[in-house]
C-alpha cells in the first residue's frame, strides 16, 4: 500500500477515538466511531485473500449496524430532550439502545459472534489494532453514560461475556481466536465493575492493552497462527519463550504478576458491594482462562515437536530475533503489582 495512504489511514484510526473521548456531544462521538470504522477496513483487505475480504465484510456489516443503532438513539434523544447529550430524564429505551450499539462495537455477549471470526481472518498486526485501540472509543462512551445505564443489563452482559470467553476459548487451536475470546472475557470484567467503580474499568483497559500488545508482537515475530506453530519458538526465537510464558500467565491473572491487579481489585470491589455470587463466578471462569493460557505455555516451552535435523540446525544459521520494545512491555506486564497502591483509585 502507498506510504502516504497508510499514514492517512493510521492517523484517522488514531484520531477517531480521541474525538470520541474528548467529546460530550453524541453526534461528534458518532463521527469518531465512524472514522474508526472506515479507516480500519483498508487495513483488513490489504492482504488479498478470500478470508480477509470475508472478515472485512463481516466487520463492516456489524459495525455499520451498531453505528446505525447509535445514531438512531442519538436522534430519538434529540427529539425527546432537544439536546445532543444523554440526561437522567432520558427515556430508558433510548439508553438501552445506546448500550446495545456499544456492546456490538465492543464484541460483548450476546453480540460477540463476529469478533473471533473477524480476528481469525485478518493479519496479526490488524488484529492487535482491532482488539486494543478499537475498544477505546466505545468504552469511553460507556464510561460517560454508565450512571444512566441499568446495572442489571450491564451485569448480565458482563457475566455472559466472561462465561462465553472462558468456555469457547477452551476448544480453540488458532492463536488469534484464543486472543479474541480472551478479549471478550476481559471486556466482561471491565463492564462488570462499571456501575460501582468506573476508574477500575480504565485501569483494567490499560493493563489489558499492555498485556495484549507484546503477545501479538511475539505472535507476529514468529508468524504463529496455531498452537502447533508456537511449539517451534524454541528454535526460531528462544529468547521469547520465557517472555511468552510470563505474558500469558499475567494475562490469566496469576499472582504476583501485573494481570492479577485488575482481577484482585474488581473482585474486592464486587464483594464490597455484596455481589458475592457474581464475584465467585468470575473467579471460577478466570481459572478456565488460565487453563488455556497454560496450554499455550505447555506447547511453547515444555514440548519439542518432531522436526527434521535440518530444521533443528536453523538456530545456528539464523540470528535470533530480539526486540527491545517487547522486552520493556514484558517487564511492565509482569512487575507492576508492587505499584498497586499508586494505581488503585
Protein backbone atom coordinates (compact mmCIF):
# COMPACT_ATOMS: atom_id res chain seq x y z
CA UNK A 1 0.00 0.00 0.00
CA UNK A 2 1.12 3.56 -0.72
CA UNK A 3 3.00 5.01 2.32
CA UNK A 4 1.03 8.28 2.17
CA UNK A 5 -2.23 6.31 2.16
CA UNK A 6 -1.02 4.28 5.14
CA UNK A 7 -0.13 7.45 7.05
CA UNK A 8 -3.62 8.90 6.41
CA UNK A 9 -5.27 5.61 7.48
CA UNK A 10 -3.25 5.30 10.71
CA UNK A 11 -3.79 8.99 11.51
CA UNK A 12 -7.56 8.55 11.09
CA UNK A 13 -7.53 5.42 13.29
CA UNK A 14 -5.57 7.40 15.90
CA UNK A 15 -7.83 10.46 15.68
CA UNK A 16 -11.23 8.69 15.79
CA UNK A 17 -11.14 7.51 19.43
CA UNK A 18 -9.64 10.84 20.55
CA UNK A 19 -12.61 12.75 19.06
CA UNK A 20 -14.98 10.34 20.82
CA UNK A 21 -13.14 10.51 24.15
CA UNK A 22 -12.90 14.30 24.39
CA UNK A 23 -16.44 14.99 23.21
CA UNK A 24 -19.69 15.25 25.17
CA UNK A 25 -21.83 15.70 22.04
CA UNK A 26 -23.38 12.39 20.93
CA UNK A 27 -23.18 13.36 17.25
CA UNK A 28 -19.44 14.07 17.49
CA UNK A 29 -19.00 10.73 19.31
CA UNK A 30 -20.73 9.03 16.39
CA UNK A 31 -18.40 10.78 13.92
CA UNK A 32 -15.38 9.49 15.89
CA UNK A 33 -16.78 5.94 15.80
CA UNK A 34 -17.37 6.18 12.03
CA UNK A 35 -13.82 7.42 11.41
CA UNK A 36 -12.56 4.42 13.35
CA UNK A 37 -14.72 2.01 11.38
CA UNK A 38 -13.97 3.30 7.88
CA UNK A 39 -10.21 3.69 8.43
CA UNK A 40 -9.53 0.10 9.52
CA UNK A 41 -11.36 -1.54 6.58
CA UNK A 42 -8.48 -0.90 4.08
CA UNK A 43 -6.03 -2.48 6.53
CA UNK A 44 -8.23 -5.57 6.74
CA UNK A 45 -8.44 -6.05 2.97
CA UNK A 46 -4.77 -5.16 2.39
CA UNK A 47 -3.97 -8.88 2.10
CA UNK A 48 -5.93 -10.02 -0.94
CA UNK A 49 -7.32 -13.38 0.05
CA UNK A 50 -10.95 -14.50 0.43
CA UNK A 51 -10.61 -14.87 4.21
CA UNK A 52 -9.62 -11.23 4.79
CA UNK A 53 -12.35 -9.98 2.43
CA UNK A 54 -14.91 -12.04 4.31
CA UNK A 55 -13.62 -10.74 7.67
CA UNK A 56 -13.76 -7.12 6.46
CA UNK A 57 -17.32 -7.61 5.18
CA UNK A 58 -18.47 -9.13 8.49
CA UNK A 59 -16.78 -6.35 10.42
CA UNK A 60 -18.30 -3.62 8.24
CA UNK A 61 -21.85 -5.02 8.42
CA UNK A 62 -21.72 -5.48 12.21
CA UNK A 63 -20.15 -2.10 12.93
CA UNK A 64 -22.40 -0.27 10.45
CA UNK A 65 -25.45 -1.80 12.16
CA UNK A 66 -24.12 -0.73 15.57
CA UNK A 67 -23.43 2.81 14.26
CA UNK A 68 -26.96 2.98 12.83
CA UNK A 69 -28.47 1.98 16.19
CA UNK A 70 -26.27 4.53 17.99
CA UNK A 71 -27.32 7.28 15.56
CA UNK A 72 -30.98 6.25 15.96
CA UNK A 73 -30.74 6.54 19.77
CA UNK A 74 -29.00 9.93 19.38
CA UNK A 75 -31.77 11.28 17.12
CA UNK A 76 -34.52 9.91 19.40
CA UNK A 77 -32.83 11.56 22.37
CA UNK A 78 -32.65 14.88 20.46
CA UNK A 79 -36.34 14.61 19.55
CA UNK A 80 -37.24 13.99 23.20
CA UNK A 81 -34.98 16.47 25.01
CA UNK A 82 -33.71 18.81 22.28
CA UNK A 83 -30.13 18.12 23.40
CA UNK A 84 -27.20 16.14 21.99
CA UNK A 85 -26.28 14.63 25.36
CA UNK A 86 -27.98 11.93 27.44
CA UNK A 87 -29.79 13.27 30.50
CA UNK A 88 -31.06 11.49 33.68
CA UNK A 89 -34.61 12.08 32.39
CA UNK A 90 -33.82 10.39 29.05
CA UNK A 91 -36.13 7.50 28.17
CA UNK A 92 -34.78 4.14 29.41
CA UNK A 93 -35.29 2.54 25.99
CA UNK A 94 -33.05 5.14 24.35
CA UNK A 95 -30.24 4.45 26.85
CA UNK A 96 -30.69 0.69 26.33
CA UNK A 97 -30.44 1.18 22.54
CA UNK A 98 -27.21 3.13 23.07
CA UNK A 99 -25.79 0.35 25.22
CA UNK A 100 -26.74 -2.32 22.64
CA UNK A 101 -24.92 -0.40 19.90
CA UNK A 102 -21.80 -0.03 22.07
CA UNK A 103 -21.94 -3.72 23.09
CA UNK A 104 -21.99 -4.66 19.38
CA UNK A 105 -18.95 -2.47 18.75
CA UNK A 106 -17.05 -3.94 21.71
CA UNK A 107 -17.96 -7.55 20.96
CA UNK A 108 -19.74 -8.03 24.29
CA UNK A 109 -22.03 -11.04 24.65
CA UNK A 110 -24.60 -11.72 23.27
CA UNK A 111 -23.26 -9.64 20.33
CA UNK A 112 -19.85 -11.32 20.29
CA UNK A 113 -20.07 -13.80 17.38
CA UNK A 114 -18.36 -11.55 14.83
CA UNK A 115 -15.21 -10.89 16.87
CA UNK A 116 -13.43 -14.32 16.72
CA UNK A 117 -14.29 -14.78 13.04
CA UNK A 118 -13.06 -11.34 12.04
CA UNK A 119 -9.87 -11.64 14.14
CA UNK A 120 -9.11 -15.02 12.56
CA UNK A 121 -9.49 -13.66 9.02
CA UNK A 122 -7.17 -10.64 9.30
CA UNK A 123 -3.43 -10.23 9.79
CA UNK A 124 -1.88 -10.31 13.26
CA UNK A 125 -0.99 -6.58 13.19
CA UNK A 126 -4.54 -5.56 12.25
CA UNK A 127 -5.85 -7.99 14.89
CA UNK A 128 -3.82 -6.12 17.50
CA UNK A 129 -5.45 -2.81 16.50
CA UNK A 130 -8.90 -4.44 16.47
CA UNK A 131 -8.55 -5.92 19.96
CA UNK A 132 -6.90 -2.91 21.65
CA UNK A 133 -7.20 0.55 20.09
CA UNK A 134 -10.67 -0.06 18.60
CA UNK A 135 -12.06 -0.77 22.09
CA UNK A 136 -11.17 2.67 23.48
CA UNK A 137 -13.88 4.77 21.78
CA UNK A 138 -16.95 2.62 22.71
CA UNK A 139 -15.63 2.15 26.27
CA UNK A 140 -15.15 5.90 26.68
CA UNK A 141 -18.83 6.44 25.77
CA UNK A 142 -19.90 3.73 28.22
CA UNK A 143 -17.74 5.42 30.84
CA UNK A 144 -19.71 8.65 30.31
CA UNK A 145 -23.19 7.09 30.37
CA UNK A 146 -22.67 4.33 32.97
CA UNK A 147 -24.71 6.18 35.62
CA UNK A 148 -27.75 6.24 33.31
CA UNK A 149 -27.49 2.60 32.15
CA UNK A 150 -29.44 -0.09 34.01
CA UNK A 151 -26.91 -2.02 36.17
CA UNK A 152 -28.83 -5.28 35.59
CA UNK A 153 -28.23 -5.04 31.83
CA UNK A 154 -24.52 -4.32 32.41
CA UNK A 155 -24.18 -7.24 34.83
CA UNK A 156 -25.99 -9.66 32.51
CA UNK A 157 -23.81 -8.72 29.55
CA UNK A 158 -20.67 -8.91 31.72
CA UNK A 159 -21.34 -12.40 33.10
CA UNK A 160 -22.33 -13.72 29.65
CA UNK A 161 -19.13 -12.30 28.14
CA UNK A 162 -16.96 -13.89 30.86
CA UNK A 163 -18.70 -17.27 30.50
CA UNK A 164 -18.52 -17.30 26.69
CA UNK A 165 -14.94 -16.00 26.62
CA UNK A 166 -13.84 -18.77 29.01
CA UNK A 167 -15.75 -21.75 27.62
CA UNK A 168 -15.34 -21.01 23.90
CA UNK A 169 -11.63 -20.33 24.30
CA UNK A 170 -11.10 -23.88 25.60
CA UNK A 171 -11.54 -25.71 22.31
CA UNK A 172 -9.58 -23.33 20.06
CA UNK A 173 -6.31 -24.18 18.33
CA UNK A 174 -5.91 -20.88 16.45
CA UNK A 175 -3.95 -18.29 18.45
CA UNK A 176 -5.90 -15.33 17.04
CA UNK A 177 -9.22 -16.89 18.06
CA UNK A 178 -7.84 -17.58 21.54
CA UNK A 179 -6.86 -13.90 21.85
CA UNK A 180 -10.31 -12.86 20.58
CA UNK A 181 -12.12 -14.93 23.23
CA UNK A 182 -9.64 -13.60 25.78
CA UNK A 183 -10.69 -10.09 24.69
CA UNK A 184 -14.39 -10.94 25.12
CA UNK A 185 -13.67 -12.21 28.64
CA UNK A 186 -11.63 -9.13 29.57
CA UNK A 187 -14.36 -6.84 28.26
CA UNK A 188 -16.79 -8.67 30.56
CA UNK A 189 -14.53 -7.93 33.55
CA UNK A 190 -14.40 -4.25 32.58
CA UNK A 191 -18.16 -3.90 32.19
CA UNK A 192 -18.90 -5.76 35.46
CA UNK A 193 -17.22 -3.08 37.60
CA UNK A 194 -18.54 -0.10 35.62
CA UNK A 195 -21.60 0.60 37.86
CA UNK A 196 -19.52 0.50 41.06
CA UNK A 197 -16.10 1.95 40.27
CA UNK A 198 -15.59 3.12 36.66
CA UNK A 199 -11.96 4.11 37.38
CA UNK A 200 -11.16 0.39 37.73
CA UNK A 201 -12.56 -0.13 34.22
CA UNK A 202 -9.97 2.30 32.85
CA UNK A 203 -7.22 0.62 34.90
CA UNK A 204 -8.29 -2.79 33.57
CA UNK A 205 -8.32 -1.50 29.98
CA UNK A 206 -4.82 -0.04 30.34
CA UNK A 207 -3.39 -3.27 31.75
CA UNK A 208 -5.24 -5.33 29.12
CA UNK A 209 -3.62 -3.27 26.33
CA UNK A 210 -0.19 -3.57 27.99
CA UNK A 211 -0.59 -7.38 28.14
CA UNK A 212 -2.11 -7.92 24.70
CA UNK A 213 0.35 -5.77 22.73
CA UNK A 214 3.55 -7.79 23.47
CA UNK A 215 1.65 -11.06 22.99
CA UNK A 216 0.59 -10.05 19.47
CA UNK A 217 4.11 -8.78 18.74
CA UNK A 218 5.52 -12.19 19.71
CA UNK A 219 2.94 -13.96 17.52
CA UNK A 220 3.88 -11.67 14.63
CA UNK A 221 7.63 -12.19 15.13
CA UNK A 222 7.21 -15.97 14.88
CA UNK A 223 4.26 -15.96 12.44
CA UNK A 224 2.45 -18.15 14.98
CA UNK A 225 -1.16 -18.66 13.94
CA UNK A 226 -1.77 -22.03 15.63
CA UNK A 227 -0.76 -23.70 18.89
CA UNK A 228 1.41 -26.17 16.93
CA UNK A 229 3.32 -23.38 15.19
CA UNK A 230 4.09 -21.85 18.60
CA UNK A 231 5.92 -25.06 19.50
CA UNK A 232 8.68 -24.08 17.04
CA UNK A 233 9.55 -20.96 19.03
CA UNK A 234 12.39 -22.77 20.85
CA UNK A 235 14.19 -22.95 17.52
CA UNK A 236 13.34 -19.60 15.91
CA UNK A 237 13.42 -17.21 18.87
CA UNK A 238 14.42 -18.98 22.11
CA UNK A 239 14.69 -15.66 23.99
CA UNK A 240 10.97 -15.06 23.53
CA UNK A 241 9.95 -18.33 25.21
CA UNK A 242 10.16 -17.12 28.84
CA UNK A 243 8.60 -13.79 27.83
CA UNK A 244 5.64 -15.60 26.25
CA UNK A 245 5.14 -17.70 29.39
CA UNK A 246 5.23 -14.64 31.67
CA UNK A 247 2.83 -12.61 29.49
CA UNK A 248 0.31 -15.47 29.22
CA UNK A 249 0.39 -16.16 32.97
CA UNK A 250 -0.05 -12.44 33.63
CA UNK A 251 -2.98 -12.27 31.17
CA UNK A 252 -4.57 -15.17 33.04
CA UNK A 253 -4.34 -13.18 36.28
CA UNK A 254 -1.81 -15.29 38.16
CA UNK A 255 -0.27 -13.53 41.18
CA UNK A 256 2.18 -11.88 41.67
CA UNK A 257 2.15 -10.68 38.03
CA UNK A 258 0.56 -7.46 36.76
CA UNK A 259 -2.56 -9.19 35.37
CA UNK A 260 -3.58 -10.15 38.89
CA UNK A 261 -4.09 -6.47 39.83
CA UNK A 262 -7.34 -5.75 37.88
CA UNK A 263 -8.90 -9.11 38.86
CA UNK A 264 -7.99 -8.61 42.51
CA UNK A 265 -9.38 -5.05 42.67
CA UNK A 266 -12.56 -5.90 40.71
CA UNK A 267 -13.38 -8.93 42.89
CA UNK A 268 -12.69 -6.86 46.02
CA UNK A 269 -14.99 -4.07 44.80
CA UNK A 270 -17.77 -6.52 43.87
CA UNK A 271 -17.58 -8.19 47.30
CA UNK A 272 -17.68 -4.76 48.94
CA UNK A 273 -20.97 -4.13 47.07
CA UNK A 274 -22.44 -7.53 48.12
CA UNK A 275 -22.11 -9.19 44.69
CA UNK A 276 -20.72 -12.43 46.10
CA UNK A 277 -22.23 -14.81 43.52
CA UNK A 278 -21.04 -12.70 40.59
CA UNK A 279 -17.52 -12.37 42.04
CA UNK A 280 -17.31 -16.13 42.69
CA UNK A 281 -18.47 -17.00 39.17
CA UNK A 282 -15.97 -14.56 37.64
CA UNK A 283 -13.11 -16.00 39.71
CA UNK A 284 -14.01 -19.55 38.60
CA UNK A 285 -14.16 -18.52 34.93
CA UNK A 286 -10.76 -16.84 35.32
CA UNK A 287 -9.36 -20.27 36.18
CA UNK A 288 -10.67 -21.66 32.87
CA UNK A 289 -8.99 -18.76 31.06
CA UNK A 290 -5.77 -19.53 32.91
CA UNK A 291 -6.06 -23.17 31.83
CA UNK A 292 -5.99 -22.47 28.10
CA UNK A 293 -3.20 -19.92 28.57
CA UNK A 294 -1.26 -22.65 30.40
CA UNK A 295 -1.91 -25.00 27.47
CA UNK A 296 -0.27 -22.44 25.17
CA UNK A 297 2.70 -22.21 27.54
CA UNK A 298 2.96 -26.02 27.62
CA UNK A 299 3.16 -26.32 23.84
CA UNK A 300 5.58 -23.38 23.62
CA UNK A 301 8.11 -24.10 26.34
CA UNK A 302 7.67 -27.65 27.63
CA UNK A 303 7.32 -29.71 24.45
CA UNK A 304 9.57 -30.36 21.47
CA UNK A 305 7.51 -31.46 18.49
CA UNK A 306 9.04 -33.90 15.96
CA UNK A 307 11.19 -31.98 13.47
CA UNK A 308 13.86 -32.78 10.92
CA UNK A 309 17.56 -32.45 11.78
CA UNK A 310 17.93 -29.66 9.23
CA UNK A 311 15.22 -27.65 10.96
CA UNK A 312 16.90 -28.14 14.33
CA UNK A 313 20.02 -26.51 12.93
CA UNK A 314 18.18 -23.32 11.92
CA UNK A 315 19.14 -21.64 15.18
CA UNK A 316 22.81 -21.87 14.24
CA UNK A 317 22.30 -20.21 10.86
CA UNK A 318 19.64 -17.62 11.68
CA UNK A 319 20.42 -14.92 14.19
CA UNK A 320 17.70 -14.97 16.88
CA UNK A 321 15.34 -12.02 16.62
CA UNK A 322 15.25 -9.68 19.59
CA UNK A 323 13.04 -6.69 20.19
CA UNK A 324 13.70 -4.13 22.94
CA UNK A 325 10.09 -2.93 22.87
CA UNK A 326 8.78 -6.46 23.54
CA UNK A 327 11.24 -6.78 26.45
CA UNK A 328 10.16 -3.49 28.03
CA UNK A 329 6.46 -4.32 27.63
CA UNK A 330 7.06 -7.77 29.13
CA UNK A 331 8.72 -6.13 32.15
CA UNK A 332 5.71 -3.80 32.55
CA UNK A 333 3.25 -6.66 32.15
CA UNK A 334 4.86 -8.73 34.89
CA UNK A 335 6.29 -6.37 37.52
CA UNK A 336 3.71 -3.62 38.07
CA UNK A 337 1.92 -5.26 41.02
CA UNK A 338 4.18 -3.62 43.69
CA UNK A 339 2.96 -0.25 42.34
CA UNK A 340 -0.68 -1.15 43.03
CA UNK A 341 -1.06 1.32 45.97
CA UNK A 342 -0.30 4.12 43.49
CA UNK A 343 -2.52 2.74 40.69
CA UNK A 344 -5.69 1.79 42.58
CA UNK A 345 -8.05 4.79 42.69
